[in-house]
Amino acid sequence: MKIITLGNCCKKSIQNHKNAVIAAKNCGVEEPVNVSDINEILKYGVMMTPALVIDGTVVSTGRMLSVEQIENLIRERS
């Protein structure tokens, strides 16, 4: 499973990535990668960050997710 967090420009994006790291560890999956390059973010069709991508699918945009919410998204896709 590959998890990517998009955005690193604001507190919410930074916290979203931290929450994703914790959630991935709790679920036993590989640590998420953060992408902050706007051109790469746009390739996903994302216009608002923070955003979360799991296995190439954008699962959340424009809001910070809690650790529990990210864990639920990971479990739904595993």
PDB file of N, CA and C in Angstrom:
ATOM      1  N   MET A   1       0.844  -1.166   0.000  1.00  0.00           N
ATOM      2  CA  MET A   1       0.000   0.000   0.000  1.00  0.00           C
ATOM      3  C   MET A   1       0.894   1.233   0.000  1.00  0.00           C
ATOM      4  N   LYS A   2       0.579   2.185  -0.867  1.00  0.00           N
ATOM      5  CA  LYS A   2       1.351   3.422  -0.948  1.00  0.00           C
ATOM      6  C   LYS A   2       0.457   4.596  -0.563  1.00  0.00           C
ATOM      7  N   ILE A   3       0.921   5.350   0.430  1.00  0.00           N
ATOM      8  CA  ILE A   3       0.179   6.514   0.911  1.00  0.00           C
ATOM      9  C   ILE A   3       0.991   7.761   0.619  1.00  0.00           C
ATOM     10  N   ILE A   4       0.318   8.773   0.084  1.00  0.00           N
ATOM     11  CA  ILE A   4       0.961  10.043  -0.223  1.00  0.00           C
ATOM     12  C   ILE A   4       0.127  11.159   0.385  1.00  0.00           C
ATOM     13  N   THR A   5       0.791  12.067   1.085  1.00  0.00           N
ATOM     14  CA  THR A   5       0.113  13.274   1.541  1.00  0.00           C
ATOM     15  C   THR A   5       0.528  14.396   0.612  1.00  0.00           C
ATOM     16  N   LEU A   6      -0.429  15.245   0.273  1.00  0.00           N
ATOM     17  CA  LEU A   6      -0.167  16.352  -0.633  1.00  0.00           C
ATOM     18  C   LEU A   6      -0.269  17.661   0.127  1.00  0.00           C
ATOM     19  N   GLY A   7       0.733  18.520  -0.068  1.00  0.00           N
ATOM     20  CA  GLY A   7       0.754  19.830   0.568  1.00  0.00           C
ATOM     21  C   GLY A   7       1.741  19.868   1.710  1.00  0.00           C
ATOM     22  N   ASN A   8       2.372  21.001   1.863  1.00  0.00           N
ATOM     23  CA  ASN A   8       3.305  21.207   2.967  1.00  0.00           C
ATOM     24  C   ASN A   8       3.450  22.704   3.212  1.00  0.00           C
ATOM     25  N   CYS A   9       2.403  23.435   2.850  1.00  0.00           N
ATOM     26  CA  CYS A   9       2.491  24.891   2.854  1.00  0.00           C
ATOM     27  C   CYS A   9       1.842  25.528   4.079  1.00  0.00           C
ATOM     28  N   CYS A  10       1.133  24.749   4.863  1.00  0.00           N
ATOM     29  CA  CYS A  10       0.422  25.330   6.002  1.00  0.00           C
ATOM     30  C   CYS A  10       0.413  24.338   7.164  1.00  0.00           C
ATOM     31  N   LYS A  11      -0.019  24.816   8.311  1.00  0.00           N
ATOM     32  CA  LYS A  11      -0.047  23.968   9.510  1.00  0.00           C
ATOM     33  C   LYS A  11      -0.926  22.739   9.322  1.00  0.00           C
ATOM     34  N   LYS A  12      -2.062  22.907   8.634  1.00  0.00           N
ATOM     35  CA  LYS A  12      -2.967  21.774   8.439  1.00  0.00           C
ATOM     36  C   LYS A  12      -2.324  20.683   7.582  1.00  0.00           C
ATOM     37  N   SER A  13      -1.611  21.086   6.543  1.00  0.00           N
ATOM     38  CA  SER A  13      -0.948  20.099   5.687  1.00  0.00           C
ATOM     39  C   SER A  13       0.156  19.366   6.444  1.00  0.00           C
ATOM     40  N   ILE A  14       0.913  20.108   7.226  1.00  0.00           N
ATOM     41  CA  ILE A  14       1.988  19.495   8.008  1.00  0.00           C
ATOM     42  C   ILE A  14       1.410  18.522   9.026  1.00  0.00           C
ATOM     43  N   GLN A  15       0.346  18.917   9.711  1.00  0.00           N
ATOM     44  CA  GLN A  15      -0.287  18.033  10.703  1.00  0.00           C
ATOM     45  C   GLN A  15      -0.925  16.829  10.034  1.00  0.00           C
ATOM     46  N   ASN A  16      -1.508  17.028   8.846  1.00  0.00           N
ATOM     47  CA  ASN A  16      -2.115  15.924   8.112  1.00  0.00           C
ATOM     48  C   ASN A  16      -1.057  14.858   7.812  1.00  0.00           C
ATOM     49  N   HIS A  17       0.139  15.283   7.421  1.00  0.00           N
ATOM     50  CA  HIS A  17       1.208  14.325   7.145  1.00  0.00           C
ATOM     51  C   HIS A  17       1.627  13.601   8.428  1.00  0.00           C
ATOM     52  N   LYS A  18       1.769  14.346   9.508  1.00  0.00           N
ATOM     53  CA  LYS A  18       2.138  13.719  10.790  1.00  0.00           C
ATOM     54  C   LYS A  18       1.094  12.687  11.198  1.00  0.00           C
ATOM     55  N   ASN A  19      -0.174  13.022  11.034  1.00  0.00           N
ATOM     56  CA  ASN A  19      -1.254  12.083  11.373  1.00  0.00           C
ATOM     57  C   ASN A  19      -1.196  10.843  10.476  1.00  0.00           C
ATOM     58  N   ALA A  20      -0.873  11.042   9.203  1.00  0.00           N
ATOM     59  CA  ALA A  20      -0.774   9.916   8.272  1.00  0.00           C
ATOM     60  C   ALA A  20       0.385   8.991   8.646  1.00  0.00           C
ATOM     61  N   VAL A  21       1.490   9.571   9.112  1.00  0.00           N
ATOM     62  CA  VAL A  21       2.641   8.765   9.534  1.00  0.00           C
ATOM     63  C   VAL A  21       2.248   7.880  10.711  1.00  0.00           C
ATOM     64  N   ILE A  22       1.550   8.456  11.682  1.00  0.00           N
ATOM     65  CA  ILE A  22       1.113   7.695  12.857  1.00  0.00           C
ATOM     66  C   ILE A  22       0.122   6.605  12.449  1.00  0.00           C
ATOM     67  N   ALA A  23      -0.841   6.967  11.605  1.00  0.00           N
ATOM     68  CA  ALA A  23      -1.862   6.007  11.168  1.00  0.00           C
ATOM     69  C   ALA A  23      -1.222   4.848  10.406  1.00  0.00           C
ATOM     70  N   ALA A  24      -0.272   5.146   9.530  1.00  0.00           N
ATOM     71  CA  ALA A  24       0.401   4.094   8.760  1.00  0.00           C
ATOM     72  C   ALA A  24       1.148   3.150   9.699  1.00  0.00           C
ATOM     73  N   LYS A  25       1.834   3.716  10.662  1.00  0.00           N
ATOM     74  CA  LYS A  25       2.562   2.886  11.626  1.00  0.00           C
ATOM     75  C   LYS A  25       1.599   2.000  12.397  1.00  0.00           C
ATOM     76  N   ASN A  26       0.483   2.569  12.842  1.00  0.00           N
ATOM     77  CA  ASN A  26      -0.517   1.803  13.596  1.00  0.00           C
ATOM     78  C   ASN A  26      -1.120   0.673  12.770  1.00  0.00           C
ATOM     79  N   CYS A  27      -1.200   0.871  11.448  1.00  0.00           N
ATOM     80  CA  CYS A  27      -1.795  -0.136  10.572  1.00  0.00           C
ATOM     81  C   CYS A  27      -0.759  -1.067   9.949  1.00  0.00           C
ATOM     82  N   GLY A  28       0.509  -0.820  10.249  1.00  0.00           N
ATOM     83  CA  GLY A  28       1.555  -1.684   9.739  1.00  0.00           C
ATOM     84  C   GLY A  28       1.839  -1.540   8.255  1.00  0.00           C
ATOM     85  N   VAL A  29       1.643  -0.342   7.716  1.00  0.00           N
ATOM     86  CA  VAL A  29       1.948  -0.110   6.308  1.00  0.00           C
ATOM     87  C   VAL A  29       3.110   0.875   6.191  1.00  0.00           C
ATOM     88  N   GLU A  30       3.654   0.960   4.989  1.00  0.00           N
ATOM     89  CA  GLU A  30       4.811   1.804   4.723  1.00  0.00           C
ATOM     90  C   GLU A  30       4.522   3.270   5.044  1.00  0.00           C
ATOM     91  N   GLU A  31       5.528   3.965   5.568  1.00  0.00           N
ATOM     92  CA  GLU A  31       5.371   5.371   5.936  1.00  0.00           C
ATOM     93  C   GLU A  31       5.013   6.216   4.719  1.00  0.00           C
ATOM     94  N   PRO A  32       4.075   7.132   4.877  1.00  0.00           N
ATOM     95  CA  PRO A  32       3.647   7.983   3.764  1.00  0.00           C
ATOM     96  C   PRO A  32       4.756   8.897   3.248  1.00  0.00           C
ATOM     97  N   VAL A  33       4.646   9.232   1.979  1.00  0.00           N
ATOM     98  CA  VAL A  33       5.529  10.188   1.334  1.00  0.00           C
ATOM     99  C   VAL A  33       4.764  11.504   1.240  1.00  0.00           C
ATOM    100  N   ASN A  34       5.470  12.622   1.434  1.00  0.00           N
ATOM    101  CA  ASN A  34       4.829  13.924   1.287  1.00  0.00           C
ATOM    102  C   ASN A  34       5.270  14.552  -0.022  1.00  0.00           C
ATOM    103  N   VAL A  35       4.284  15.078  -0.758  1.00  0.00           N
ATOM    104  CA  VAL A  35       4.550  15.784  -2.005  1.00  0.00           C
ATOM    105  C   VAL A  35       4.101  17.222  -1.823  1.00  0.00           C
ATOM    106  N   SER A  36       5.030  18.158  -2.028  1.00  0.00           N
ATOM    107  CA  SER A  36       4.679  19.569  -1.860  1.00  0.00           C
ATOM    108  C   SER A  36       4.804  20.360  -3.156  1.00  0.00           C
ATOM    109  N   ASP A  37       5.348  19.746  -4.189  1.00  0.00           N
ATOM    110  CA  ASP A  37       5.490  20.424  -5.477  1.00  0.00           C
ATOM    111  C   ASP A  37       4.121  20.605  -6.126  1.00  0.00           C
ATOM    112  N   ILE A  38       3.767  21.853  -6.416  1.00  0.00           N
ATOM    113  CA  ILE A  38       2.435  22.161  -6.936  1.00  0.00           C
ATOM    114  C   ILE A  38       2.140  21.441  -8.247  1.00  0.00           C
ATOM    115  N   ASN A  39       3.138  21.273  -9.097  1.00  0.00           N
ATOM    116  CA  ASN A  39       2.918  20.586 -10.370  1.00  0.00           C
ATOM    117  C   ASN A  39       2.579  19.112 -10.152  1.00  0.00           C
ATOM    118  N   GLU A  40       3.232  18.493  -9.182  1.00  0.00           N
ATOM    119  CA  GLU A  40       2.924  17.100  -8.851  1.00  0.00           C
ATOM    120  C   GLU A  40       1.537  16.979  -8.224  1.00  0.00           C
ATOM    121  N   ILE A  41       1.196  17.928  -7.373  1.00  0.00           N
ATOM    122  CA  ILE A  41      -0.128  17.921  -6.734  1.00  0.00           C
ATOM    123  C   ILE A  41      -1.216  18.046  -7.789  1.00  0.00           C
ATOM    124  N   LEU A  42      -1.015  18.929  -8.764  1.00  0.00           N
ATOM    125  CA  LEU A  42      -2.011  19.139  -9.815  1.00  0.00           C
ATOM    126  C   LEU A  42      -2.207  17.898 -10.679  1.00  0.00           C
ATOM    127  N   LYS A  43      -1.188  17.046 -10.783  1.00  0.00           N
ATOM    128  CA  LYS A  43      -1.326  15.806 -11.552  1.00  0.00           C
ATOM    129  C   LYS A  43      -2.400  14.894 -10.960  1.00  0.00           C
ATOM    130  N   TYR A  44      -2.662  15.058  -9.674  1.00  0.00           N
ATOM    131  CA  TYR A  44      -3.717  14.279  -9.016  1.00  0.00           C
ATOM    132  C   TYR A  44      -5.078  14.950  -9.146  1.00  0.00           C
ATOM    133  N   GLY A  45      -5.135  16.136  -9.750  1.00  0.00           N
ATOM    134  CA  GLY A  45      -6.383  16.868  -9.887  1.00  0.00           C
ATOM    135  C   GLY A  45      -6.809  17.560  -8.603  1.00  0.00           C
ATOM    136  N   VAL A  46      -5.888  17.716  -7.683  1.00  0.00           N
ATOM    137  CA  VAL A  46      -6.185  18.314  -6.387  1.00  0.00           C
ATOM    138  C   VAL A  46      -6.013  19.821  -6.465  1.00  0.00           C
ATOM    139  N   MET A  47      -7.035  20.554  -6.043  1.00  0.00           N
ATOM    140  CA  MET A  47      -6.982  22.008  -6.050  1.00  0.00           C
ATOM    141  C   MET A  47      -6.842  22.585  -4.651  1.00  0.00           C
ATOM    142  N   MET A  48      -7.117  21.766  -3.628  1.00  0.00           N
ATOM    143  CA  MET A  48      -7.016  22.229  -2.241  1.00  0.00           C
ATOM    144  C   MET A  48      -6.251  21.210  -1.415  1.00  0.00           C
ATOM    145  N   THR A  49      -5.301  21.702  -0.647  1.00  0.00           N
ATOM    146  CA  THR A  49      -4.572  20.837   0.275  1.00  0.00           C
ATOM    147  C   THR A  49      -4.987  21.202   1.691  1.00  0.00           C
ATOM    148  N   PRO A  50      -4.786  20.342   2.646  1.00  0.00           N
ATOM    149  CA  PRO A  50      -4.116  19.051   2.540  1.00  0.00           C
ATOM    150  C   PRO A  50      -4.956  18.024   1.793  1.00  0.00           C
ATOM    151  N   ALA A  51      -4.268  17.039   1.260  1.00  0.00           N
ATOM    152  CA  ALA A  51      -4.945  15.959   0.558  1.00  0.00           C
ATOM    153  C   ALA A  51      -4.235  14.642   0.874  1.00  0.00           C
ATOM    154  N   LEU A  52      -4.969  13.561   0.692  1.00  0.00           N
ATOM    155  CA  LEU A  52      -4.439  12.232   0.981  1.00  0.00           C
ATOM    156  C   LEU A  52      -4.722  11.323  -0.202  1.00  0.00           C
ATOM    157  N   VAL A  53      -3.687  10.589  -0.615  1.00  0.00           N
ATOM    158  CA  VAL A  53      -3.791   9.657  -1.734  1.00  0.00           C
ATOM    159  C   VAL A  53      -3.400   8.278  -1.222  1.00  0.00           C
ATOM    160  N   ILE A  54      -4.233   7.281  -1.506  1.00  0.00           N
ATOM    161  CA  ILE A  54      -3.924   5.901  -1.143  1.00  0.00           C
ATOM    162  C   ILE A  54      -3.960   5.062  -2.411  1.00  0.00           C
ATOM    163  N   ASP A  55      -2.847   4.422  -2.709  1.00  0.00           N
ATOM    164  CA  ASP A  55      -2.709   3.579  -3.897  1.00  0.00           C
ATOM    165  C   ASP A  55      -3.185   4.285  -5.163  1.00  0.00           C
ATOM    166  N   GLY A  56      -2.796   5.547  -5.314  1.00  0.00           N
ATOM    167  CA  GLY A  56      -3.099   6.307  -6.524  1.00  0.00           C
ATOM    168  C   GLY A  56      -4.463   6.956  -6.578  1.00  0.00           C
ATOM    169  N   THR A  57      -5.290   6.741  -5.549  1.00  0.00           N
ATOM    170  CA  THR A  57      -6.629   7.313  -5.511  1.00  0.00           C
ATOM    171  C   THR A  57      -6.701   8.414  -4.460  1.00  0.00           C
ATOM    172  N   VAL A  58      -7.160   9.588  -4.875  1.00  0.00           N
ATOM    173  CA  VAL A  58      -7.340  10.695  -3.931  1.00  0.00           C
ATOM    174  C   VAL A  58      -8.541  10.362  -3.053  1.00  0.00           C
ATOM    175  N   VAL A  59      -8.318  10.287  -1.747  1.00  0.00           N
ATOM    176  CA  VAL A  59      -9.392   9.905  -0.828  1.00  0.00           C
ATOM    177  C   VAL A  59      -9.865  11.068   0.041  1.00  0.00           C
ATOM    178  N   SER A  60      -9.111  12.173   0.036  1.00  0.00           N
ATOM    179  CA  SER A  60      -9.507  13.334   0.830  1.00  0.00           C
ATOM    180  C   SER A  60      -8.799  14.571   0.305  1.00  0.00           C
ATOM    181  N   THR A  61      -9.530  15.688   0.229  1.00  0.00           N
ATOM    182  CA  THR A  61      -8.926  16.958  -0.168  1.00  0.00           C
ATOM    183  C   THR A  61      -9.509  18.082   0.671  1.00  0.00           C
ATOM    184  N   GLY A  62      -8.678  19.079   0.902  1.00  0.00           N
ATOM    185  CA  GLY A  62      -9.140  20.306   1.523  1.00  0.00           C
ATOM    186  C   GLY A  62      -9.391  20.268   3.017  1.00  0.00           C
ATOM    187  N   ARG A  63      -9.022  19.158   3.675  1.00  0.00           N
ATOM    188  CA  ARG A  63      -9.227  19.115   5.125  1.00  0.00           C
ATOM    189  C   ARG A  63      -8.208  18.188   5.773  1.00  0.00           C
ATOM    190  N   MET A  64      -7.873  18.540   6.993  1.00  0.00           N
ATOM    191  CA  MET A  64      -6.959  17.721   7.770  1.00  0.00           C
ATOM    192  C   MET A  64      -7.741  16.562   8.385  1.00  0.00           C
ATOM    193  N   LEU A  65      -7.188  15.378   8.287  1.00  0.00           N
ATOM    194  CA  LEU A  65      -7.827  14.195   8.843  1.00  0.00           C
ATOM    195  C   LEU A  65      -7.164  13.815  10.155  1.00  0.00           C
ATOM    196  N   SER A  66      -7.942  13.244  11.045  1.00  0.00           N
ATOM    197  CA  SER A  66      -7.390  12.739  12.300  1.00  0.00           C
ATOM    198  C   SER A  66      -6.690  11.409  12.029  1.00  0.00           C
ATOM    199  N   VAL A  67      -5.901  10.972  12.981  1.00  0.00           N
ATOM    200  CA  VAL A  67      -5.229   9.674  12.877  1.00  0.00           C
ATOM    201  C   VAL A  67      -6.276   8.584  12.669  1.00  0.00           C
ATOM    202  N   GLU A  68      -7.353   8.635  13.431  1.00  0.00           N
ATOM    203  CA  GLU A  68      -8.403   7.606  13.352  1.00  0.00           C
ATOM    204  C   GLU A  68      -9.067   7.596  11.976  1.00  0.00           C
ATOM    205  N   GLN A  69      -9.313   8.772  11.414  1.00  0.00           N
ATOM    206  CA  GLN A  69      -9.933   8.831  10.090  1.00  0.00           C
ATOM    207  C   GLN A  69      -9.020   8.215   9.037  1.00  0.00           C
ATOM    208  N   ILE A  70      -7.734   8.506   9.126  1.00  0.00           N
ATOM    209  CA  ILE A  70      -6.782   7.947   8.162  1.00  0.00           C
ATOM    210  C   ILE A  70      -6.662   6.435   8.343  1.00  0.00           C
ATOM    211  N   GLU A  71      -6.651   5.977   9.580  1.00  0.00           N
ATOM    212  CA  GLU A  71      -6.614   4.532   9.832  1.00  0.00           C
ATOM    213  C   GLU A  71      -7.821   3.857   9.193  1.00  0.00           C
ATOM    214  N   ASN A  72      -8.987   4.441   9.324  1.00  0.00           N
ATOM    215  CA  ASN A  72     -10.194   3.872   8.715  1.00  0.00           C
ATOM    216  C   ASN A  72     -10.079   3.808   7.199  1.00  0.00           C
ATOM    217  N   LEU A  73      -9.539   4.850   6.588  1.00  0.00           N
ATOM    218  CA  LEU A  73      -9.359   4.845   5.133  1.00  0.00           C
ATOM    219  C   LEU A  73      -8.365   3.775   4.702  1.00  0.00           C
ATOM    220  N   ILE A  74      -7.319   3.590   5.469  1.00  0.00           N
ATOM    221  CA  ILE A  74      -6.334   2.545   5.170  1.00  0.00           C
ATOM    222  C   ILE A  74      -6.975   1.171   5.271  1.00  0.00           C
ATOM    223  N   ARG A  75      -7.717   0.934   6.344  1.00  0.00           N
ATOM    224  CA  ARG A  75      -8.348  -0.380   6.531  1.00  0.00           C
ATOM    225  C   ARG A  75      -9.382  -0.677   5.470  1.00  0.00           C
ATOM    226  N   GLU A  76     -10.114   0.336   5.008  1.00  0.00           N
ATOM    227  CA  GLU A  76     -11.111   0.145   3.947  1.00  0.00           C
ATOM    228  C   GLU A  76     -10.466  -0.332   2.657  1.00  0.00           C
ATOM    229  N   ARG A  77      -9.210   0.027   2.436  1.00  0.00           N
ATOM    230  CA  ARG A  77      -8.541  -0.279   1.184  1.00  0.00           C
ATOM    231  C   ARG A  77      -7.553  -1.434   1.283  1.00  0.00           C
ATOM    232  N   SER A  78      -7.470  -2.077   2.439  1.00  0.00           N
ATOM    233  CA  SER A  78      -6.513  -3.183   2.558  1.00  0.00           C
ATOM    234  C   SER A  78      -7.195  -4.519   2.511  1.00  0.00           C
TER     235      SER A  78
END
